[in-house]
Amino acid sequence: MPVILKRAYEKPSRSDGTRVLVDRLWPRGLTKQAAALDAWLKEVAPSDELRRWFHARPALWPAFRKKYLGELAAPAASQALAELYELAGNSRQLTLVFAARDQEHNNAVILKQLLEGMRKPPSTSGPKGAAATSARAARAQRRR
């Protein structure tokens, strides 16, 4: 299942497949009809605090990515991410719609990488996830 990224202000096309807005805020000046969305997953977007932090510090893209992946592990975001995975699995093509001007550095880019398997989901990535996996393996080994 291919995943593409598209700015909210670009004209929708039939080849977009399932269109999902992944921003917390509705794109300014865009009508619902013009957006032609199948879903709007607000909870999968970065928090307002993180969004504002990154807007003031665009050079800190790696730090934003790390903080955003941490936010995706929260219950509401995790549930929305699961819904996004489900939409992706049930679609011939998924288009992640976003409003940011920077098309290479925004949350949709990170979500696309997650969906395409380039990054592990936040609940299992990083040192904490590895430590938890190691601890589970050690407990299972002791039980044998």
N, C-alpha and C. Protein backbone atom coordinates (compact mmCIF):
# COMPACT_ATOMS: atom_id res chain seq x y z
N MET A 1 0.83 -1.16 0.00
CA MET A 1 0.00 0.00 0.00
C MET A 1 0.89 1.24 0.00
N PRO A 2 0.85 1.99 -1.08
CA PRO A 2 1.64 3.21 -1.15
C PRO A 2 1.05 4.32 -0.26
N VAL A 3 1.94 5.10 0.31
CA VAL A 3 1.54 6.26 1.12
C VAL A 3 2.16 7.48 0.45
N ILE A 4 1.31 8.47 0.17
CA ILE A 4 1.83 9.72 -0.39
C ILE A 4 1.47 10.87 0.53
N LEU A 5 2.21 11.95 0.38
CA LEU A 5 1.98 13.16 1.15
C LEU A 5 1.47 14.24 0.22
N LYS A 6 0.54 15.04 0.74
CA LYS A 6 -0.01 16.10 -0.09
C LYS A 6 -0.42 17.26 0.79
N ARG A 7 -0.06 18.46 0.38
CA ARG A 7 -0.51 19.64 1.12
C ARG A 7 -2.02 19.78 0.97
N ALA A 8 -2.64 20.28 2.00
CA ALA A 8 -4.09 20.44 2.02
C ALA A 8 -4.56 21.39 0.93
N TYR A 9 -3.69 22.29 0.50
CA TYR A 9 -4.07 23.30 -0.48
C TYR A 9 -3.89 22.82 -1.92
N GLU A 10 -3.35 21.62 -2.10
CA GLU A 10 -3.25 21.04 -3.44
C GLU A 10 -4.59 20.41 -3.79
N LYS A 11 -4.92 20.44 -5.07
CA LYS A 11 -6.19 19.91 -5.52
C LYS A 11 -6.23 18.38 -5.33
N PRO A 12 -7.31 17.87 -4.72
CA PRO A 12 -7.45 16.40 -4.58
C PRO A 12 -7.58 15.74 -5.95
N SER A 13 -7.14 14.49 -6.05
CA SER A 13 -7.31 13.74 -7.29
C SER A 13 -7.80 12.34 -6.97
N ARG A 14 -8.33 11.67 -7.96
CA ARG A 14 -8.84 10.30 -7.76
C ARG A 14 -7.73 9.35 -7.34
N SER A 15 -6.51 9.61 -7.81
CA SER A 15 -5.40 8.72 -7.50
C SER A 15 -4.94 8.85 -6.04
N ASP A 16 -5.48 9.82 -5.29
CA ASP A 16 -5.11 9.99 -3.88
C ASP A 16 -5.55 8.81 -3.02
N GLY A 17 -6.57 8.11 -3.42
CA GLY A 17 -7.09 7.03 -2.59
C GLY A 17 -7.75 7.59 -1.34
N THR A 18 -7.47 7.00 -0.19
CA THR A 18 -8.03 7.47 1.08
C THR A 18 -7.22 8.67 1.55
N ARG A 19 -7.93 9.78 1.78
CA ARG A 19 -7.27 11.04 2.20
C ARG A 19 -7.51 11.28 3.68
N VAL A 20 -6.41 11.45 4.43
CA VAL A 20 -6.51 11.63 5.88
C VAL A 20 -5.74 12.89 6.28
N LEU A 21 -6.44 13.82 6.91
CA LEU A 21 -5.79 15.01 7.45
C LEU A 21 -5.12 14.63 8.76
N VAL A 22 -3.82 14.93 8.88
CA VAL A 22 -3.06 14.54 10.07
C VAL A 22 -2.58 15.76 10.86
N ASP A 23 -3.30 16.86 10.76
CA ASP A 23 -3.01 18.07 11.52
C ASP A 23 -4.04 18.24 12.63
N ARG A 24 -3.63 18.89 13.71
CA ARG A 24 -4.53 19.14 14.83
C ARG A 24 -5.49 20.28 14.50
N LEU A 25 -5.01 21.25 13.72
CA LEU A 25 -5.82 22.41 13.35
C LEU A 25 -6.32 22.27 11.92
N TRP A 26 -7.54 22.74 11.67
CA TRP A 26 -8.07 22.72 10.31
C TRP A 26 -7.28 23.72 9.47
N PRO A 27 -6.90 23.36 8.23
CA PRO A 27 -6.15 24.28 7.37
C PRO A 27 -6.92 25.57 7.10
N ARG A 28 -6.28 26.67 7.34
CA ARG A 28 -6.89 27.99 7.20
C ARG A 28 -7.40 28.23 5.78
N GLY A 29 -8.64 28.66 5.67
CA GLY A 29 -9.21 29.04 4.39
C GLY A 29 -9.68 27.88 3.52
N LEU A 30 -9.66 26.67 4.03
CA LEU A 30 -10.04 25.50 3.25
C LEU A 30 -11.42 25.00 3.68
N THR A 31 -12.30 24.78 2.72
CA THR A 31 -13.62 24.25 3.06
C THR A 31 -13.55 22.73 3.14
N LYS A 32 -14.51 22.15 3.84
CA LYS A 32 -14.55 20.69 3.95
C LYS A 32 -14.73 20.04 2.58
N GLN A 33 -15.53 20.66 1.74
CA GLN A 33 -15.76 20.12 0.40
C GLN A 33 -14.47 20.15 -0.42
N ALA A 34 -13.74 21.25 -0.35
CA ALA A 34 -12.50 21.36 -1.12
C ALA A 34 -11.43 20.40 -0.60
N ALA A 35 -11.46 20.10 0.69
CA ALA A 35 -10.47 19.20 1.27
C ALA A 35 -10.69 17.76 0.82
N ALA A 36 -11.93 17.37 0.61
CA ALA A 36 -12.28 16.02 0.15
C ALA A 36 -11.60 14.94 0.99
N LEU A 37 -11.79 15.01 2.30
CA LEU A 37 -11.14 14.08 3.22
C LEU A 37 -12.03 12.87 3.54
N ASP A 38 -11.37 11.76 3.80
CA ASP A 38 -12.07 10.57 4.28
C ASP A 38 -12.01 10.49 5.81
N ALA A 39 -10.99 11.12 6.39
CA ALA A 39 -10.85 11.11 7.86
C ALA A 39 -9.98 12.28 8.29
N TRP A 40 -10.17 12.68 9.54
CA TRP A 40 -9.35 13.71 10.16
C TRP A 40 -8.91 13.16 11.51
N LEU A 41 -7.65 12.83 11.63
CA LEU A 41 -7.12 12.25 12.86
C LEU A 41 -6.31 13.31 13.62
N LYS A 42 -7.01 14.14 14.39
CA LYS A 42 -6.37 15.21 15.15
C LYS A 42 -5.37 14.68 16.17
N GLU A 43 -5.72 13.57 16.81
CA GLU A 43 -4.91 13.05 17.91
C GLU A 43 -3.55 12.53 17.46
N VAL A 44 -3.39 12.26 16.17
CA VAL A 44 -2.11 11.76 15.67
C VAL A 44 -1.14 12.92 15.37
N ALA A 45 -1.63 14.13 15.46
CA ALA A 45 -0.81 15.32 15.21
C ALA A 45 -0.01 15.68 16.47
N PRO A 46 1.07 16.43 16.30
CA PRO A 46 1.83 16.88 17.47
C PRO A 46 0.97 17.79 18.35
N SER A 47 1.29 17.84 19.63
CA SER A 47 0.58 18.74 20.54
C SER A 47 0.82 20.18 20.09
N ASP A 48 -0.07 21.08 20.51
CA ASP A 48 0.11 22.50 20.17
C ASP A 48 1.46 23.00 20.70
N GLU A 49 1.81 22.56 21.89
CA GLU A 49 3.08 22.98 22.49
C GLU A 49 4.26 22.55 21.63
N LEU A 50 4.28 21.30 21.18
CA LEU A 50 5.38 20.81 20.35
C LEU A 50 5.37 21.48 18.98
N ARG A 51 4.19 21.67 18.43
CA ARG A 51 4.08 22.33 17.12
C ARG A 51 4.66 23.74 17.18
N ARG A 52 4.31 24.48 18.22
CA ARG A 52 4.83 25.85 18.38
C ARG A 52 6.34 25.83 18.63
N TRP A 53 6.81 24.88 19.43
CA TRP A 53 8.23 24.75 19.71
C TRP A 53 9.01 24.55 18.41
N PHE A 54 8.54 23.63 17.57
CA PHE A 54 9.24 23.34 16.33
C PHE A 54 9.15 24.50 15.35
N HIS A 55 8.01 25.19 15.32
CA HIS A 55 7.85 26.33 14.43
C HIS A 55 8.91 27.40 14.72
N ALA A 56 9.25 27.58 16.00
CA ALA A 56 10.25 28.56 16.40
C ALA A 56 11.68 28.05 16.21
N ARG A 57 11.85 26.73 16.03
CA ARG A 57 13.18 26.12 15.93
C ARG A 57 13.23 25.08 14.79
N PRO A 58 12.99 25.49 13.56
CA PRO A 58 12.94 24.50 12.47
C PRO A 58 14.25 23.75 12.24
N ALA A 59 15.36 24.31 12.69
CA ALA A 59 16.65 23.63 12.51
C ALA A 59 16.78 22.42 13.43
N LEU A 60 15.89 22.28 14.40
CA LEU A 60 15.96 21.17 15.35
C LEU A 60 15.05 20.01 14.93
N TRP A 61 15.07 19.68 13.68
CA TRP A 61 14.24 18.60 13.14
C TRP A 61 14.46 17.27 13.87
N PRO A 62 15.71 16.82 14.10
CA PRO A 62 15.89 15.55 14.82
C PRO A 62 15.27 15.56 16.22
N ALA A 63 15.39 16.68 16.92
CA ALA A 63 14.80 16.78 18.26
C ALA A 63 13.27 16.76 18.17
N PHE A 64 12.73 17.42 17.16
CA PHE A 64 11.27 17.39 16.97
C PHE A 64 10.79 15.96 16.72
N ARG A 65 11.51 15.26 15.85
CA ARG A 65 11.14 13.87 15.52
C ARG A 65 11.11 13.02 16.80
N LYS A 66 12.12 13.15 17.62
CA LYS A 66 12.20 12.36 18.84
C LYS A 66 11.06 12.70 19.79
N LYS A 67 10.78 13.98 19.98
CA LYS A 67 9.69 14.41 20.86
C LYS A 67 8.34 13.96 20.32
N TYR A 68 8.17 14.06 19.02
CA TYR A 68 6.90 13.68 18.40
C TYR A 68 6.67 12.17 18.53
N LEU A 69 7.69 11.37 18.30
CA LEU A 69 7.55 9.93 18.48
C LEU A 69 7.19 9.59 19.92
N GLY A 70 7.73 10.35 20.86
CA GLY A 70 7.36 10.18 22.26
C GLY A 70 5.90 10.49 22.50
N GLU A 71 5.40 11.54 21.87
CA GLU A 71 3.98 11.89 22.01
C GLU A 71 3.08 10.83 21.40
N LEU A 72 3.53 10.18 20.35
CA LEU A 72 2.71 9.15 19.70
C LEU A 72 2.51 7.92 20.59
N ALA A 73 3.31 7.80 21.64
CA ALA A 73 3.16 6.67 22.56
C ALA A 73 2.05 6.92 23.59
N ALA A 74 1.56 8.16 23.69
CA ALA A 74 0.46 8.48 24.62
C ALA A 74 -0.80 7.74 24.18
N PRO A 75 -1.69 7.39 25.12
CA PRO A 75 -2.87 6.58 24.78
C PRO A 75 -3.74 7.13 23.64
N ALA A 76 -4.10 8.40 23.67
CA ALA A 76 -4.97 8.94 22.61
C ALA A 76 -4.27 8.93 21.27
N ALA A 77 -3.00 9.34 21.25
CA ALA A 77 -2.24 9.35 20.01
C ALA A 77 -2.00 7.93 19.50
N SER A 78 -1.73 7.02 20.41
CA SER A 78 -1.50 5.63 20.04
C SER A 78 -2.74 5.02 19.40
N GLN A 79 -3.90 5.34 19.93
CA GLN A 79 -5.16 4.85 19.37
C GLN A 79 -5.39 5.44 17.98
N ALA A 80 -5.10 6.73 17.82
CA ALA A 80 -5.25 7.36 16.51
C ALA A 80 -4.25 6.78 15.52
N LEU A 81 -3.04 6.48 15.98
CA LEU A 81 -2.04 5.87 15.11
C LEU A 81 -2.48 4.48 14.67
N ALA A 82 -3.08 3.74 15.58
CA ALA A 82 -3.62 2.41 15.23
C ALA A 82 -4.71 2.55 14.17
N GLU A 83 -5.54 3.58 14.31
CA GLU A 83 -6.59 3.82 13.31
C GLU A 83 -5.98 4.17 11.96
N LEU A 84 -4.88 4.92 11.99
CA LEU A 84 -4.20 5.27 10.74
C LEU A 84 -3.62 4.02 10.08
N TYR A 85 -3.01 3.13 10.89
CA TYR A 85 -2.50 1.86 10.35
C TYR A 85 -3.64 1.04 9.73
N GLU A 86 -4.80 1.05 10.39
CA GLU A 86 -5.94 0.30 9.87
C GLU A 86 -6.42 0.89 8.54
N LEU A 87 -6.50 2.22 8.47
CA LEU A 87 -6.88 2.86 7.21
C LEU A 87 -5.89 2.52 6.11
N ALA A 88 -4.62 2.51 6.45
CA ALA A 88 -3.58 2.19 5.47
C ALA A 88 -3.72 0.75 4.99
N GLY A 89 -4.03 -0.15 5.91
CA GLY A 89 -4.17 -1.56 5.55
C GLY A 89 -5.39 -1.85 4.69
N ASN A 90 -6.41 -0.99 4.81
CA ASN A 90 -7.65 -1.21 4.06
C ASN A 90 -7.74 -0.36 2.80
N SER A 91 -6.66 0.33 2.44
CA SER A 91 -6.69 1.25 1.29
C SER A 91 -5.70 0.79 0.23
N ARG A 92 -6.08 1.01 -1.01
CA ARG A 92 -5.14 0.71 -2.09
C ARG A 92 -4.05 1.77 -2.13
N GLN A 93 -4.40 2.98 -1.69
CA GLN A 93 -3.43 4.06 -1.55
C GLN A 93 -3.91 4.99 -0.44
N LEU A 94 -2.97 5.50 0.34
CA LEU A 94 -3.29 6.41 1.44
C LEU A 94 -2.57 7.72 1.20
N THR A 95 -3.30 8.82 1.31
CA THR A 95 -2.70 10.14 1.19
C THR A 95 -2.80 10.84 2.53
N LEU A 96 -1.64 11.20 3.09
CA LEU A 96 -1.59 11.96 4.33
C LEU A 96 -1.61 13.44 3.95
N VAL A 97 -2.63 14.13 4.41
CA VAL A 97 -2.85 15.53 4.07
C VAL A 97 -2.37 16.39 5.23
N PHE A 98 -1.61 17.44 4.91
CA PHE A 98 -1.07 18.34 5.93
C PHE A 98 -1.08 19.77 5.40
N ALA A 99 -0.96 20.75 6.28
CA ALA A 99 -1.00 22.15 5.86
C ALA A 99 0.36 22.84 5.88
N ALA A 100 1.35 22.25 6.49
CA ALA A 100 2.66 22.89 6.65
C ALA A 100 3.27 23.29 5.31
N ARG A 101 3.96 24.42 5.30
CA ARG A 101 4.62 24.88 4.08
C ARG A 101 5.87 24.03 3.78
N ASP A 102 6.58 23.65 4.83
CA ASP A 102 7.79 22.84 4.67
C ASP A 102 7.36 21.39 4.42
N GLN A 103 7.52 20.96 3.20
CA GLN A 103 7.03 19.64 2.81
C GLN A 103 7.98 18.51 3.19
N GLU A 104 9.17 18.83 3.65
CA GLU A 104 10.14 17.81 4.02
C GLU A 104 10.29 17.65 5.53
N HIS A 105 9.82 18.62 6.29
CA HIS A 105 9.97 18.60 7.74
C HIS A 105 8.64 18.89 8.41
N ASN A 106 7.81 17.87 8.54
CA ASN A 106 6.52 18.00 9.22
C ASN A 106 6.10 16.62 9.73
N ASN A 107 5.08 16.60 10.56
CA ASN A 107 4.64 15.34 11.16
C ASN A 107 4.19 14.30 10.14
N ALA A 108 3.65 14.72 9.01
CA ALA A 108 3.19 13.78 7.99
C ALA A 108 4.36 12.96 7.45
N VAL A 109 5.53 13.56 7.34
CA VAL A 109 6.72 12.85 6.87
C VAL A 109 7.06 11.70 7.83
N ILE A 110 6.99 11.99 9.12
CA ILE A 110 7.30 10.97 10.13
C ILE A 110 6.24 9.87 10.11
N LEU A 111 4.98 10.24 9.98
CA LEU A 111 3.91 9.24 9.91
C LEU A 111 4.07 8.35 8.68
N LYS A 112 4.44 8.94 7.57
CA LYS A 112 4.66 8.16 6.34
C LYS A 112 5.77 7.13 6.56
N GLN A 113 6.86 7.55 7.22
CA GLN A 113 7.95 6.63 7.50
C GLN A 113 7.50 5.50 8.41
N LEU A 114 6.68 5.82 9.40
CA LEU A 114 6.15 4.77 10.28
C LEU A 114 5.30 3.78 9.49
N LEU A 115 4.42 4.31 8.66
CA LEU A 115 3.52 3.45 7.88
C LEU A 115 4.28 2.58 6.89
N GLU A 116 5.36 3.09 6.36
CA GLU A 116 6.14 2.33 5.38
C GLU A 116 7.16 1.40 6.05
N GLY A 117 7.21 1.43 7.37
CA GLY A 117 8.10 0.52 8.08
C GLY A 117 9.53 1.00 8.20
N MET A 118 9.79 2.25 7.87
CA MET A 118 11.14 2.77 7.99
C MET A 118 11.52 3.02 9.44
N ARG A 119 10.52 3.22 10.26
CA ARG A 119 10.74 3.44 11.69
C ARG A 119 9.82 2.50 12.43
N LYS A 120 10.27 1.99 13.55
CA LYS A 120 9.42 1.14 14.36
C LYS A 120 8.38 2.01 15.07
N PRO A 121 7.22 1.46 15.36
CA PRO A 121 6.22 2.22 16.11
C PRO A 121 6.80 2.66 17.46
N PRO A 122 6.37 3.82 17.96
CA PRO A 122 6.98 4.37 19.16
C PRO A 122 6.90 3.49 20.39
N SER A 123 5.94 2.61 20.48
CA SER A 123 5.81 1.78 21.68
C SER A 123 6.92 0.74 21.78
N THR A 124 7.61 0.45 20.68
CA THR A 124 8.65 -0.57 20.72
C THR A 124 10.02 -0.04 20.33
N SER A 125 10.12 1.26 20.08
CA SER A 125 11.41 1.78 19.63
C SER A 125 12.16 2.44 20.77
N GLY A 126 13.43 2.64 20.56
CA GLY A 126 14.25 3.34 21.52
C GLY A 126 14.72 2.45 22.65
N PRO A 127 15.50 3.02 23.56
CA PRO A 127 16.09 2.24 24.65
C PRO A 127 15.05 1.62 25.58
N LYS A 128 13.97 2.34 25.87
CA LYS A 128 12.95 1.79 26.77
C LYS A 128 12.29 0.56 26.16
N GLY A 129 11.97 0.65 24.87
CA GLY A 129 11.36 -0.49 24.20
C GLY A 129 12.29 -1.68 24.14
N ALA A 130 13.55 -1.42 23.87
CA ALA A 130 14.53 -2.51 23.82
C ALA A 130 14.72 -3.13 25.19
N ALA A 131 14.76 -2.29 26.23
CA ALA A 131 14.91 -2.80 27.60
C ALA A 131 13.71 -3.65 28.00
N ALA A 132 12.52 -3.22 27.63
CA ALA A 132 11.31 -3.98 27.95
C ALA A 132 11.32 -5.33 27.24
N THR A 133 11.74 -5.31 25.97
CA THR A 133 11.80 -6.55 25.21
C THR A 133 12.83 -7.50 25.83
N SER A 134 13.99 -6.95 26.23
CA SER A 134 15.02 -7.78 26.86
C SER A 134 14.54 -8.34 28.18
N ALA A 135 13.84 -7.53 28.97
CA ALA A 135 13.33 -7.98 30.27
C ALA A 135 12.31 -9.10 30.08
N ARG A 136 11.43 -8.97 29.08
CA ARG A 136 10.44 -10.02 28.80
C ARG A 136 11.13 -11.31 28.39
N ALA A 137 12.15 -11.18 27.56
CA ALA A 137 12.88 -12.37 27.09
C ALA A 137 13.59 -13.05 28.27
N ALA A 138 14.15 -12.25 29.19
CA ALA A 138 14.83 -12.83 30.35
C ALA A 138 13.85 -13.54 31.26
N ARG A 139 12.66 -12.96 31.47
CA ARG A 139 11.64 -13.60 32.30
C ARG A 139 11.17 -14.90 31.68
N ALA A 140 10.99 -14.89 30.37
CA ALA A 140 10.55 -16.10 29.68
C ALA A 140 11.62 -17.19 29.78
N GLN A 141 12.88 -16.79 29.70
CA GLN A 141 13.97 -17.75 29.79
C GLN A 141 14.02 -18.38 31.19
N ARG A 142 13.80 -17.56 32.24
CA ARG A 142 13.82 -18.08 33.61
C ARG A 142 12.69 -19.06 33.86
N ARG A 143 11.54 -18.86 33.21
CA ARG A 143 10.39 -19.74 33.41
C ARG A 143 10.62 -21.13 32.84
N ARG A 144 11.51 -21.23 31.86
CA ARG A 144 11.76 -22.51 31.19
C ARG A 144 12.57 -23.40 32.01
